[in-house]
Amino acid sequence: MTRGRQPLMALREAVLIAKKRGETRQFMHEPGTICNFVIYCPGFVAHVRIKRVTRVHCDHAWIECEAADALAGLRAIASGSVISRELWVFLPRGAFRFFRVGDTGLVELDRDGVVMPEKPQPVFMVKPEILTQPAPGLHLPEGPGKPEPAASPAGTEGPDSDGP
């Protein structure tokens, strides 16, 4: 159950945005109302629920948790290729974000109802491991200094040795 008064200013602003997409039909606010209005576009219907949140710039998981009651109601509406269930979240200062509600998650939309491209996630590179063992053929000296080449096996001569 929602608390507080109906967000009338936000609802008026949302209806103005919706009218740019198509014809709208508003519903009276009553307990148990699933959506605030429906947008009728050619060959497409969008059921929209308005939800006030405290933070607009947040990830989808936070919105899923914050608006769980609204999302549960929208997910009760049948979904399909011509039916869109949408959650529009806003701050009291008037900033909106638009989401299409899927069965398992949210997809962000722009004001026109077009799916926004996903923002690239930062890529974290794994640092290569620092070698703790010396390379084959090198012996690390006990004290400070440079590594010394490995001694040649007995009976073989290296390029720097004084052979017979």
Protein backbone atom coordinates (compact mmCIF):
# COMPACT_ATOMS: atom_id res chain seq x y z
CA MET A 1 0.00 0.00 0.00
CA THR A 2 1.34 3.43 -0.87
CA ARG A 3 1.68 6.24 1.62
CA GLY A 4 1.34 9.96 1.14
CA ARG A 5 -0.58 12.06 -1.28
CA GLN A 6 -0.92 11.43 -4.98
CA PRO A 7 1.93 13.14 -6.91
CA LEU A 8 -0.33 15.42 -8.95
CA MET A 9 2.39 17.69 -10.41
CA ALA A 10 4.46 14.69 -11.49
CA LEU A 11 1.40 13.02 -12.95
CA ARG A 12 0.59 16.13 -15.02
CA GLU A 13 4.18 16.25 -16.30
CA ALA A 14 4.11 12.52 -17.09
CA VAL A 15 0.87 12.84 -19.05
CA LEU A 16 2.42 15.63 -21.15
CA ILE A 17 5.36 13.33 -21.95
CA ALA A 18 2.97 10.46 -22.72
CA LYS A 19 0.82 12.55 -25.10
CA LYS A 20 3.89 13.02 -27.32
CA ARG A 21 3.98 9.23 -27.75
CA GLY A 22 0.27 8.70 -28.46
CA GLU A 23 -3.23 9.00 -27.05
CA THR A 24 -3.54 8.57 -23.29
CA ARG A 25 -6.21 7.43 -20.91
CA GLN A 26 -5.84 8.16 -17.19
CA PHE A 27 -7.27 6.09 -14.36
CA MET A 28 -8.74 7.34 -11.10
CA HIS A 29 -6.43 6.76 -8.19
CA GLU A 30 -7.92 4.08 -5.97
CA PRO A 31 -6.40 1.48 -3.67
CA GLY A 32 -5.16 -1.40 -5.78
CA THR A 33 -4.77 0.62 -8.97
CA ILE A 34 -1.98 -0.97 -11.01
CA CYS A 35 -1.18 1.82 -13.45
CA ASN A 36 -1.79 5.54 -13.63
CA PHE A 37 -2.48 5.73 -17.36
CA VAL A 38 -2.30 3.86 -20.66
CA ILE A 39 -0.66 5.14 -23.85
CA TYR A 40 -2.23 3.99 -27.12
CA CYS A 41 0.23 4.08 -30.02
CA PRO A 42 -0.37 2.60 -33.50
CA GLY A 43 -0.04 -1.17 -32.95
CA PHE A 44 1.23 -0.75 -29.40
CA VAL A 45 -0.14 -0.21 -25.87
CA ALA A 46 1.89 0.93 -22.85
CA HIS A 47 0.63 0.57 -19.27
CA VAL A 48 2.45 3.17 -17.15
CA ARG A 49 2.92 3.43 -13.41
CA ILE A 50 4.45 6.56 -11.83
CA LYS A 51 6.63 6.07 -8.76
CA ARG A 52 8.41 8.69 -6.67
CA VAL A 53 11.91 7.74 -5.54
CA THR A 54 14.57 9.51 -3.52
CA ARG A 55 17.41 8.87 -5.99
CA VAL A 56 17.06 8.84 -9.77
CA HIS A 57 20.74 8.19 -10.55
CA CYS A 58 21.00 4.63 -9.29
CA ASP A 59 21.26 1.11 -10.66
CA HIS A 60 18.38 -1.12 -11.69
CA ALA A 61 18.74 -3.37 -8.64
CA TRP A 62 18.09 -0.44 -6.30
CA ILE A 63 15.00 0.58 -8.29
CA GLU A 64 13.77 -3.05 -8.25
CA CYS A 65 14.00 -3.00 -4.45
CA GLU A 66 12.59 0.51 -3.98
CA ALA A 67 9.59 0.00 -6.28
CA ALA A 68 8.87 -3.67 -5.58
CA ASP A 69 5.14 -3.10 -4.99
CA ALA A 70 4.67 -1.14 -8.23
CA LEU A 71 6.68 -3.70 -10.22
CA ALA A 72 4.66 -6.59 -8.81
CA GLY A 73 1.45 -4.91 -9.97
CA LEU A 74 2.82 -4.19 -13.44
CA ARG A 75 4.08 -7.75 -13.82
CA ALA A 76 0.50 -8.95 -13.25
CA ILE A 77 -0.42 -7.37 -16.60
CA ALA A 78 0.00 -9.70 -19.57
CA SER A 79 3.14 -8.97 -21.57
CA GLY A 80 3.78 -9.35 -25.26
CA SER A 81 5.34 -7.75 -28.27
CA VAL A 82 2.53 -5.16 -28.53
CA ILE A 83 2.06 -4.60 -24.77
CA SER A 84 4.57 -2.63 -22.75
CA ARG A 85 4.58 -2.43 -18.96
CA GLU A 86 6.45 0.70 -17.94
CA LEU A 87 7.62 2.21 -14.67
CA TRP A 88 8.40 5.92 -14.72
CA VAL A 89 10.33 7.05 -11.66
CA PHE A 90 10.82 10.67 -10.69
CA LEU A 91 12.31 12.96 -8.10
CA PRO A 92 10.25 15.72 -6.51
CA ARG A 93 12.34 18.21 -8.55
CA GLY A 94 10.97 16.79 -11.79
CA ALA A 95 13.68 14.49 -13.18
CA PHE A 96 12.27 11.33 -14.78
CA ARG A 97 13.68 7.94 -15.77
CA PHE A 98 11.68 5.47 -17.83
CA PHE A 99 11.85 1.66 -17.63
CA ARG A 100 10.16 -1.21 -19.47
CA VAL A 101 9.28 -3.91 -16.97
CA GLY A 102 10.22 -7.40 -18.06
CA ASP A 103 9.50 -10.64 -16.26
CA THR A 104 13.03 -10.76 -14.84
CA GLY A 105 14.33 -7.20 -14.93
CA LEU A 106 14.17 -3.63 -16.20
CA VAL A 107 15.19 -2.10 -19.53
CA GLU A 108 15.80 1.64 -19.63
CA LEU A 109 13.90 3.73 -22.18
CA ASP A 110 14.15 7.31 -23.38
CA ARG A 111 11.22 9.77 -23.30
CA ASP A 112 9.96 8.44 -26.64
CA GLY A 113 9.79 4.83 -25.42
CA VAL A 114 12.85 3.72 -27.42
CA VAL A 115 15.24 1.34 -25.66
CA MET A 116 18.38 3.19 -24.65
CA PRO A 117 21.71 1.58 -25.51
CA GLU A 118 23.41 0.13 -22.48
CA LYS A 119 26.23 2.18 -21.06
CA PRO A 120 29.53 0.35 -21.31
CA GLN A 121 30.59 -1.03 -17.97
CA PRO A 122 34.11 -0.20 -16.77
CA VAL A 123 36.61 -2.91 -17.60
CA PHE A 124 38.97 -3.92 -14.86
CA MET A 125 42.24 -5.48 -15.97
CA VAL A 126 43.83 -8.16 -13.83
CA LYS A 127 47.41 -7.34 -13.04
CA PRO A 128 49.86 -10.03 -14.15
CA GLU A 129 51.47 -11.95 -11.36
CA ILE A 130 54.99 -10.94 -10.42
CA LEU A 131 57.41 -13.80 -10.90
CA THR A 132 58.65 -15.09 -7.59
CA GLN A 133 60.85 -17.79 -9.10
CA PRO A 134 63.89 -16.89 -11.21
CA ALA A 135 63.88 -17.70 -14.87
CA PRO A 136 65.58 -21.00 -15.79
CA GLY A 137 69.35 -20.63 -16.02
CA LEU A 138 69.59 -17.74 -13.53
CA HIS A 139 70.65 -17.98 -9.92
CA LEU A 140 69.74 -15.17 -7.61
CA PRO A 141 72.65 -14.13 -5.40
CA GLU A 142 72.18 -14.12 -1.67
CA GLY A 143 73.12 -10.46 -1.29
CA PRO A 144 72.48 -7.39 -3.37
CA GLY A 145 73.67 -7.50 -6.95
CA LYS A 146 72.80 -8.86 -10.35
CA PRO A 147 71.73 -12.41 -11.10
CA GLU A 148 74.59 -14.66 -12.11
CA PRO A 149 74.42 -17.03 -15.07
CA ALA A 150 74.12 -20.70 -14.19
CA ALA A 151 77.33 -22.70 -14.17
CA SER A 152 77.86 -24.90 -17.20
CA PRO A 153 77.55 -28.60 -16.54
CA ALA A 154 80.88 -30.40 -16.13
CA GLY A 155 82.68 -31.10 -19.39
CA THR A 156 80.91 -28.48 -21.48
CA GLU A 157 82.34 -25.22 -22.45
CA GLY A 158 80.49 -21.97 -22.81
CA PRO A 159 81.34 -19.17 -25.23
CA ASP A 160 83.33 -17.28 -22.59
CA SER A 161 85.34 -20.20 -21.27
CA ASP A 162 88.99 -20.81 -22.07
CA GLY A 163 88.76 -24.18 -23.71
CA PRO A 164 91.70 -26.52 -24.45
